[in-house]
Amino acid sequence: MSNEEENTSVTITIRPVGPFLVRGPVTLVQPDGTEIVPPVGKTPGVIKLCSCGFSETKPFCDSSHKRCPPPAPASTSPPAD
């Protein structure tokens, strides 16, 4: 990967608990096309998107997941027919 590709690539990290971490240059838009300006975060270049659904600042994380019940463990068995 070239330096230019590294500087323009986007990575989304999905974690079992906590926000989706978006690293790289992205533009967030509402359904009507209006741009959503992300809040200034502690880590430049990283946007934290809510994954729990309880954030008061959706689509961004406000750490509400810390007050949510833990997620159910993932099932390893196939679904019943």
C-alpha atoms as a PDB file:
ATOM      1  CA  MET A   1       0.000   0.000   0.000  1.00  0.00           C
ATOM      2  CA  SER A   2       1.395   3.377  -0.971  1.00  0.00           C
ATOM      3  CA  ASN A   3       1.539   6.375   1.380  1.00  0.00           C
ATOM      4  CA  GLU A   4      -1.247   8.010  -0.632  1.00  0.00           C
ATOM      5  CA  GLU A   5      -3.470   4.928  -0.233  1.00  0.00           C
ATOM      6  CA  GLU A   6      -2.715   4.795   3.511  1.00  0.00           C
ATOM      7  CA  ASN A   7      -3.729   8.445   3.885  1.00  0.00           C
ATOM      8  CA  THR A   8      -7.024   7.987   2.028  1.00  0.00           C
ATOM      9  CA  SER A   9      -8.097   4.527   3.177  1.00  0.00           C
ATOM     10  CA  VAL A  10     -11.010   4.136   5.575  1.00  0.00           C
ATOM     11  CA  THR A  11     -11.167   1.465   8.274  1.00  0.00           C
ATOM     12  CA  ILE A  12     -14.262   0.670  10.323  1.00  0.00           C
ATOM     13  CA  THR A  13     -13.601  -1.382  13.452  1.00  0.00           C
ATOM     14  CA  ILE A  14     -16.588  -3.219  14.892  1.00  0.00           C
ATOM     15  CA  ARG A  15     -16.199  -4.136  18.540  1.00  0.00           C
ATOM     16  CA  PRO A  16     -18.392  -6.444  20.660  1.00  0.00           C
ATOM     17  CA  VAL A  17     -19.160  -3.601  23.081  1.00  0.00           C
ATOM     18  CA  GLY A  18     -18.738   0.076  22.358  1.00  0.00           C
ATOM     19  CA  PRO A  19     -18.870   2.274  19.282  1.00  0.00           C
ATOM     20  CA  PHE A  20     -17.922   1.523  15.712  1.00  0.00           C
ATOM     21  CA  LEU A  21     -14.576   3.239  15.173  1.00  0.00           C
ATOM     22  CA  VAL A  22     -14.231   4.942  11.781  1.00  0.00           C
ATOM     23  CA  ARG A  23     -10.671   5.895  10.836  1.00  0.00           C
ATOM     24  CA  GLY A  24      -9.931   7.852   7.696  1.00  0.00           C
ATOM     25  CA  PRO A  25     -11.501  10.551   5.583  1.00  0.00           C
ATOM     26  CA  VAL A  26     -15.283  10.110   5.478  1.00  0.00           C
ATOM     27  CA  THR A  27     -18.293  12.332   4.953  1.00  0.00           C
ATOM     28  CA  LEU A  28     -21.472  11.476   6.838  1.00  0.00           C
ATOM     29  CA  VAL A  29     -24.746  12.558   5.259  1.00  0.00           C
ATOM     30  CA  GLN A  30     -28.384  12.487   6.311  1.00  0.00           C
ATOM     31  CA  PRO A  31     -31.011  10.899   4.036  1.00  0.00           C
ATOM     32  CA  ASP A  32     -31.734  14.336   2.548  1.00  0.00           C
ATOM     33  CA  GLY A  33     -28.049  14.789   1.638  1.00  0.00           C
ATOM     34  CA  THR A  34     -27.222  17.257   4.410  1.00  0.00           C
ATOM     35  CA  GLU A  35     -23.721  16.717   5.763  1.00  0.00           C
ATOM     36  CA  ILE A  36     -23.405  15.689   9.409  1.00  0.00           C
ATOM     37  CA  VAL A  37     -20.409  17.352  11.063  1.00  0.00           C
ATOM     38  CA  PRO A  38     -18.823  14.985  13.591  1.00  0.00           C
ATOM     39  CA  PRO A  39     -17.942  16.238  17.058  1.00  0.00           C
ATOM     40  CA  VAL A  40     -14.308  16.880  17.837  1.00  0.00           C
ATOM     41  CA  GLY A  41     -12.983  13.695  19.379  1.00  0.00           C
ATOM     42  CA  LYS A  42     -10.074  12.849  21.617  1.00  0.00           C
ATOM     43  CA  THR A  43      -8.360  11.046  18.744  1.00  0.00           C
ATOM     44  CA  PRO A  44      -8.008  13.127  15.560  1.00  0.00           C
ATOM     45  CA  GLY A  45      -9.197  11.308  12.456  1.00  0.00           C
ATOM     46  CA  VAL A  46     -11.422   8.865  14.389  1.00  0.00           C
ATOM     47  CA  ILE A  47     -15.213   9.076  14.464  1.00  0.00           C
ATOM     48  CA  LYS A  48     -17.107   6.975  17.012  1.00  0.00           C
ATOM     49  CA  LEU A  49     -20.531   5.850  15.793  1.00  0.00           C
ATOM     50  CA  CYS A  50     -23.152   4.536  18.211  1.00  0.00           C
ATOM     51  CA  SER A  51     -23.721   0.800  18.029  1.00  0.00           C
ATOM     52  CA  CYS A  52     -25.989   0.353  21.078  1.00  0.00           C
ATOM     53  CA  GLY A  53     -28.867   2.588  20.000  1.00  0.00           C
ATOM     54  CA  PHE A  54     -29.038   4.490  23.300  1.00  0.00           C
ATOM     55  CA  SER A  55     -26.878   7.518  22.433  1.00  0.00           C
ATOM     56  CA  GLU A  56     -28.458  10.937  22.844  1.00  0.00           C
ATOM     57  CA  THR A  57     -26.120  12.227  20.116  1.00  0.00           C
ATOM     58  CA  LYS A  58     -26.875   9.676  17.354  1.00  0.00           C
ATOM     59  CA  PRO A  59     -25.288   8.752  15.082  1.00  0.00           C
ATOM     60  CA  PHE A  60     -22.322   9.472  17.338  1.00  0.00           C
ATOM     61  CA  CYS A  61     -21.382   7.621  20.513  1.00  0.00           C
ATOM     62  CA  ASP A  62     -21.885   9.393  23.843  1.00  0.00           C
ATOM     63  CA  SER A  63     -20.763   6.390  25.956  1.00  0.00           C
ATOM     64  CA  SER A  64     -24.359   5.359  26.716  1.00  0.00           C
ATOM     65  CA  HIS A  65     -23.295   1.764  26.014  1.00  0.00           C
ATOM     66  CA  LYS A  66     -21.598   1.801  29.415  1.00  0.00           C
ATOM     67  CA  ARG A  67     -25.055   1.968  31.017  1.00  0.00           C
ATOM     68  CA  CYS A  68     -26.637  -0.709  28.773  1.00  0.00           C
ATOM     69  CA  PRO A  69     -27.048  -4.369  29.614  1.00  0.00           C
ATOM     70  CA  PRO A  70     -24.283  -6.515  28.108  1.00  0.00           C
ATOM     71  CA  PRO A  71     -25.070  -8.047  24.726  1.00  0.00           C
ATOM     72  CA  ALA A  72     -26.205 -11.672  24.604  1.00  0.00           C
ATOM     73  CA  PRO A  73     -23.433 -14.075  23.637  1.00  0.00           C
ATOM     74  CA  ALA A  74     -23.388 -14.998  19.967  1.00  0.00           C
ATOM     75  CA  SER A  75     -24.805 -18.396  19.133  1.00  0.00           C
ATOM     76  CA  THR A  76     -22.496 -20.872  17.450  1.00  0.00           C
ATOM     77  CA  SER A  77     -25.253 -23.278  16.442  1.00  0.00           C
ATOM     78  CA  PRO A  78     -27.109 -22.940  13.128  1.00  0.00           C
ATOM     79  CA  PRO A  79     -30.653 -21.567  13.193  1.00  0.00           C
ATOM     80  CA  ALA A  80     -33.473 -24.108  13.519  1.00  0.00           C
ATOM     81  CA  ASP A  81     -35.480 -24.902  10.387  1.00  0.00           C
END
